[in-house]
Amino acid sequence: MGGISIWQLAILVLIIVLLFGTKKLRTLGTDLGESVKGFKKAMNEEAKPADASFDKVEQKQKAQPEQEKSKEKEQA
């Protein structure tokens, strides 16, 4: 009673196809798919360099205390 039946969905799809045409809907679907692929690719490319730079920062932070300890030993 509260949901959409299969017949209502079929009629809705038929009306949309009649209004826009199959060629226009195919083009729209292709464009939408390419946009989603581009967005996912950009998100993955953005995440990788950030992780790599984070690893470098961690390594530098770990190396700094060791260098300070060695300098203190040399001074003593």
N, C-alpha and C. Protein backbone atom coordinates (compact mmCIF):
# COMPACT_ATOMS: atom_id res chain seq x y z
N MET A 1 0.83 -1.19 0.00
CA MET A 1 0.00 0.00 0.00
C MET A 1 0.87 1.25 0.00
N GLY A 2 1.97 1.27 0.76
CA GLY A 2 2.81 2.44 0.86
C GLY A 2 3.97 2.45 -0.12
N GLY A 3 4.27 1.30 -0.74
CA GLY A 3 5.41 1.22 -1.64
C GLY A 3 5.00 1.35 -3.10
N ILE A 4 6.00 1.32 -3.94
CA ILE A 4 5.76 1.40 -5.38
C ILE A 4 5.68 -0.02 -5.94
N SER A 5 4.60 -0.33 -6.65
CA SER A 5 4.46 -1.66 -7.22
C SER A 5 5.26 -1.75 -8.52
N ILE A 6 5.40 -2.96 -9.03
CA ILE A 6 6.16 -3.18 -10.25
C ILE A 6 5.48 -2.50 -11.43
N TRP A 7 4.16 -2.47 -11.45
CA TRP A 7 3.44 -1.83 -12.55
C TRP A 7 3.64 -0.32 -12.54
N GLN A 8 3.63 0.27 -11.38
CA GLN A 8 3.87 1.72 -11.30
C GLN A 8 5.28 2.06 -11.75
N LEU A 9 6.24 1.24 -11.38
CA LEU A 9 7.62 1.44 -11.78
C LEU A 9 7.79 1.29 -13.30
N ALA A 10 7.12 0.29 -13.88
CA ALA A 10 7.19 0.06 -15.33
C ALA A 10 6.58 1.25 -16.09
N ILE A 11 5.48 1.76 -15.62
CA ILE A 11 4.84 2.92 -16.26
C ILE A 11 5.74 4.14 -16.16
N LEU A 12 6.36 4.33 -15.03
CA LEU A 12 7.27 5.46 -14.84
C LEU A 12 8.47 5.38 -15.79
N VAL A 13 9.06 4.20 -15.93
CA VAL A 13 10.18 4.00 -16.85
C VAL A 13 9.74 4.26 -18.29
N LEU A 14 8.56 3.78 -18.66
CA LEU A 14 8.04 3.99 -20.01
C LEU A 14 7.85 5.48 -20.30
N ILE A 15 7.32 6.23 -19.36
CA ILE A 15 7.12 7.67 -19.55
C ILE A 15 8.47 8.38 -19.71
N ILE A 16 9.45 8.01 -18.90
CA ILE A 16 10.78 8.63 -18.99
C ILE A 16 11.42 8.34 -20.33
N VAL A 17 11.30 7.10 -20.83
CA VAL A 17 11.86 6.74 -22.13
C VAL A 17 11.16 7.52 -23.24
N LEU A 18 9.86 7.66 -23.14
CA LEU A 18 9.13 8.41 -24.17
C LEU A 18 9.50 9.89 -24.16
N LEU A 19 9.72 10.45 -22.98
CA LEU A 19 10.06 11.87 -22.88
C LEU A 19 11.46 12.17 -23.39
N PHE A 20 12.43 11.39 -22.98
CA PHE A 20 13.83 11.70 -23.28
C PHE A 20 14.39 10.92 -24.46
N GLY A 21 13.90 9.75 -24.73
CA GLY A 21 14.43 8.92 -25.81
C GLY A 21 15.58 8.07 -25.32
N THR A 22 15.78 6.94 -25.98
CA THR A 22 16.81 6.00 -25.53
C THR A 22 18.21 6.54 -25.76
N LYS A 23 18.42 7.28 -26.84
CA LYS A 23 19.76 7.80 -27.13
C LYS A 23 20.18 8.81 -26.08
N LYS A 24 19.28 9.69 -25.71
CA LYS A 24 19.59 10.70 -24.69
C LYS A 24 19.85 10.04 -23.34
N LEU A 25 19.06 9.02 -23.00
CA LEU A 25 19.27 8.32 -21.72
C LEU A 25 20.59 7.55 -21.72
N ARG A 26 20.96 6.95 -22.86
CA ARG A 26 22.23 6.22 -22.95
C ARG A 26 23.40 7.19 -22.78
N THR A 27 23.31 8.35 -23.40
CA THR A 27 24.36 9.36 -23.28
C THR A 27 24.47 9.86 -21.84
N LEU A 28 23.33 10.08 -21.23
CA LEU A 28 23.31 10.53 -19.84
C LEU A 28 23.94 9.50 -18.91
N GLY A 29 23.62 8.22 -19.13
CA GLY A 29 24.20 7.14 -18.32
C GLY A 29 25.70 7.04 -18.49
N THR A 30 26.16 7.17 -19.74
CA THR A 30 27.60 7.11 -20.01
C THR A 30 28.33 8.27 -19.33
N ASP A 31 27.79 9.46 -19.45
CA ASP A 31 28.40 10.63 -18.83
C ASP A 31 28.45 10.49 -17.31
N LEU A 32 27.37 9.99 -16.74
CA LEU A 32 27.32 9.81 -15.29
C LEU A 32 28.35 8.78 -14.83
N GLY A 33 28.47 7.68 -15.57
CA GLY A 33 29.45 6.65 -15.23
C GLY A 33 30.88 7.16 -15.30
N GLU A 34 31.19 7.93 -16.35
CA GLU A 34 32.53 8.49 -16.48
C GLU A 34 32.84 9.48 -15.36
N SER A 35 31.83 10.23 -14.95
CA SER A 35 32.02 11.19 -13.85
C SER A 35 32.35 10.47 -12.55
N VAL A 36 31.64 9.38 -12.29
CA VAL A 36 31.88 8.62 -11.06
C VAL A 36 33.28 7.99 -11.10
N LYS A 37 33.68 7.45 -12.25
CA LYS A 37 35.02 6.87 -12.38
C LYS A 37 36.10 7.93 -12.15
N GLY A 38 35.91 9.11 -12.74
CA GLY A 38 36.87 10.19 -12.56
C GLY A 38 36.97 10.63 -11.11
N PHE A 39 35.83 10.69 -10.45
CA PHE A 39 35.82 11.09 -9.03
C PHE A 39 36.55 10.07 -8.18
N LYS A 40 36.28 8.78 -8.40
CA LYS A 40 36.96 7.73 -7.63
C LYS A 40 38.46 7.75 -7.88
N LYS A 41 38.85 7.96 -9.14
CA LYS A 41 40.28 8.00 -9.47
C LYS A 41 40.96 9.17 -8.78
N ALA A 42 40.30 10.32 -8.78
CA ALA A 42 40.87 11.50 -8.13
C ALA A 42 40.99 11.29 -6.62
N MET A 43 40.01 10.64 -6.02
CA MET A 43 40.07 10.38 -4.58
C MET A 43 41.21 9.43 -4.26
N ASN A 44 41.42 8.40 -5.08
CA ASN A 44 42.50 7.45 -4.84
C ASN A 44 43.86 8.09 -5.04
N GLU A 45 44.01 8.92 -6.06
CA GLU A 45 45.28 9.60 -6.31
C GLU A 45 45.61 10.57 -5.20
N GLU A 46 44.59 11.22 -4.67
CA GLU A 46 44.81 12.19 -3.60
C GLU A 46 45.20 11.49 -2.31
N ALA A 47 44.67 10.32 -2.06
CA ALA A 47 44.94 9.60 -0.81
C ALA A 47 46.35 9.02 -0.80
N LYS A 48 46.84 8.54 -1.92
CA LYS A 48 48.15 7.89 -1.95
C LYS A 48 49.30 8.84 -1.61
N PRO A 49 49.42 10.00 -2.24
CA PRO A 49 50.52 10.90 -1.88
C PRO A 49 50.45 11.37 -0.43
N ALA A 50 49.26 11.55 0.08
CA ALA A 50 49.13 11.99 1.46
C ALA A 50 49.67 10.92 2.41
N ASP A 51 49.39 9.66 2.12
CA ASP A 51 49.89 8.58 2.95
C ASP A 51 51.42 8.49 2.86
N ALA A 52 51.96 8.66 1.68
CA ALA A 52 53.40 8.57 1.48
C ALA A 52 54.11 9.69 2.24
N SER A 53 53.58 10.90 2.18
CA SER A 53 54.22 12.01 2.87
C SER A 53 54.09 11.83 4.39
N PHE A 54 53.01 11.22 4.83
CA PHE A 54 52.84 10.96 6.26
C PHE A 54 53.90 9.99 6.75
N ASP A 55 54.22 8.98 5.94
CA ASP A 55 55.27 8.02 6.32
C ASP A 55 56.62 8.72 6.44
N LYS A 56 56.90 9.64 5.53
CA LYS A 56 58.17 10.37 5.58
C LYS A 56 58.26 11.23 6.83
N VAL A 57 57.15 11.85 7.19
CA VAL A 57 57.13 12.69 8.39
C VAL A 57 57.37 11.83 9.63
N GLU A 58 56.74 10.66 9.67
CA GLU A 58 56.95 9.76 10.81
C GLU A 58 58.41 9.34 10.92
N GLN A 59 59.03 9.02 9.79
CA GLN A 59 60.42 8.59 9.81
C GLN A 59 61.33 9.71 10.30
N LYS A 60 61.06 10.94 9.88
CA LYS A 60 61.85 12.08 10.34
C LYS A 60 61.70 12.29 11.84
N GLN A 61 60.46 12.15 12.33
CA GLN A 61 60.23 12.34 13.76
C GLN A 61 60.93 11.28 14.58
N LYS A 62 60.97 10.06 14.07
CA LYS A 62 61.67 8.99 14.78
C LYS A 62 63.17 9.21 14.75
N ALA A 63 63.67 9.76 13.65
CA ALA A 63 65.10 9.96 13.50
C ALA A 63 65.60 11.13 14.35
N GLN A 64 64.82 12.14 14.56
CA GLN A 64 65.25 13.33 15.30
C GLN A 64 65.63 13.02 16.75
N PRO A 65 64.83 12.27 17.50
CA PRO A 65 65.27 11.98 18.88
C PRO A 65 66.56 11.17 18.93
N GLU A 66 66.76 10.27 17.97
CA GLU A 66 67.98 9.48 17.94
C GLU A 66 69.19 10.37 17.66
N GLN A 67 69.02 11.34 16.77
CA GLN A 67 70.12 12.26 16.46
C GLN A 67 70.43 13.14 17.66
N GLU A 68 69.42 13.55 18.37
CA GLU A 68 69.63 14.39 19.55
C GLU A 68 70.37 13.60 20.63
N LYS A 69 70.04 12.34 20.80
CA LYS A 69 70.72 11.51 21.81
C LYS A 69 72.19 11.33 21.45
N SER A 70 72.45 11.11 20.17
CA SER A 70 73.85 10.94 19.75
C SER A 70 74.63 12.24 19.93
N LYS A 71 74.01 13.39 19.72
CA LYS A 71 74.68 14.67 19.92
C LYS A 71 74.97 14.89 21.40
N GLU A 72 74.05 14.51 22.27
CA GLU A 72 74.25 14.65 23.71
C GLU A 72 75.41 13.77 24.19
N LYS A 73 75.52 12.57 23.63
CA LYS A 73 76.61 11.68 24.00
C LYS A 73 77.95 12.24 23.55
N GLU A 74 77.98 12.86 22.38
CA GLU A 74 79.21 13.44 21.87
C GLU A 74 79.65 14.62 22.71
N GLN A 75 78.71 15.39 23.20
CA GLN A 75 79.02 16.56 24.01
C GLN A 75 79.52 16.15 25.39
N ALA A 76 79.07 15.04 25.89
CA ALA A 76 79.44 14.61 27.24
C ALA A 76 80.79 14.01 27.33
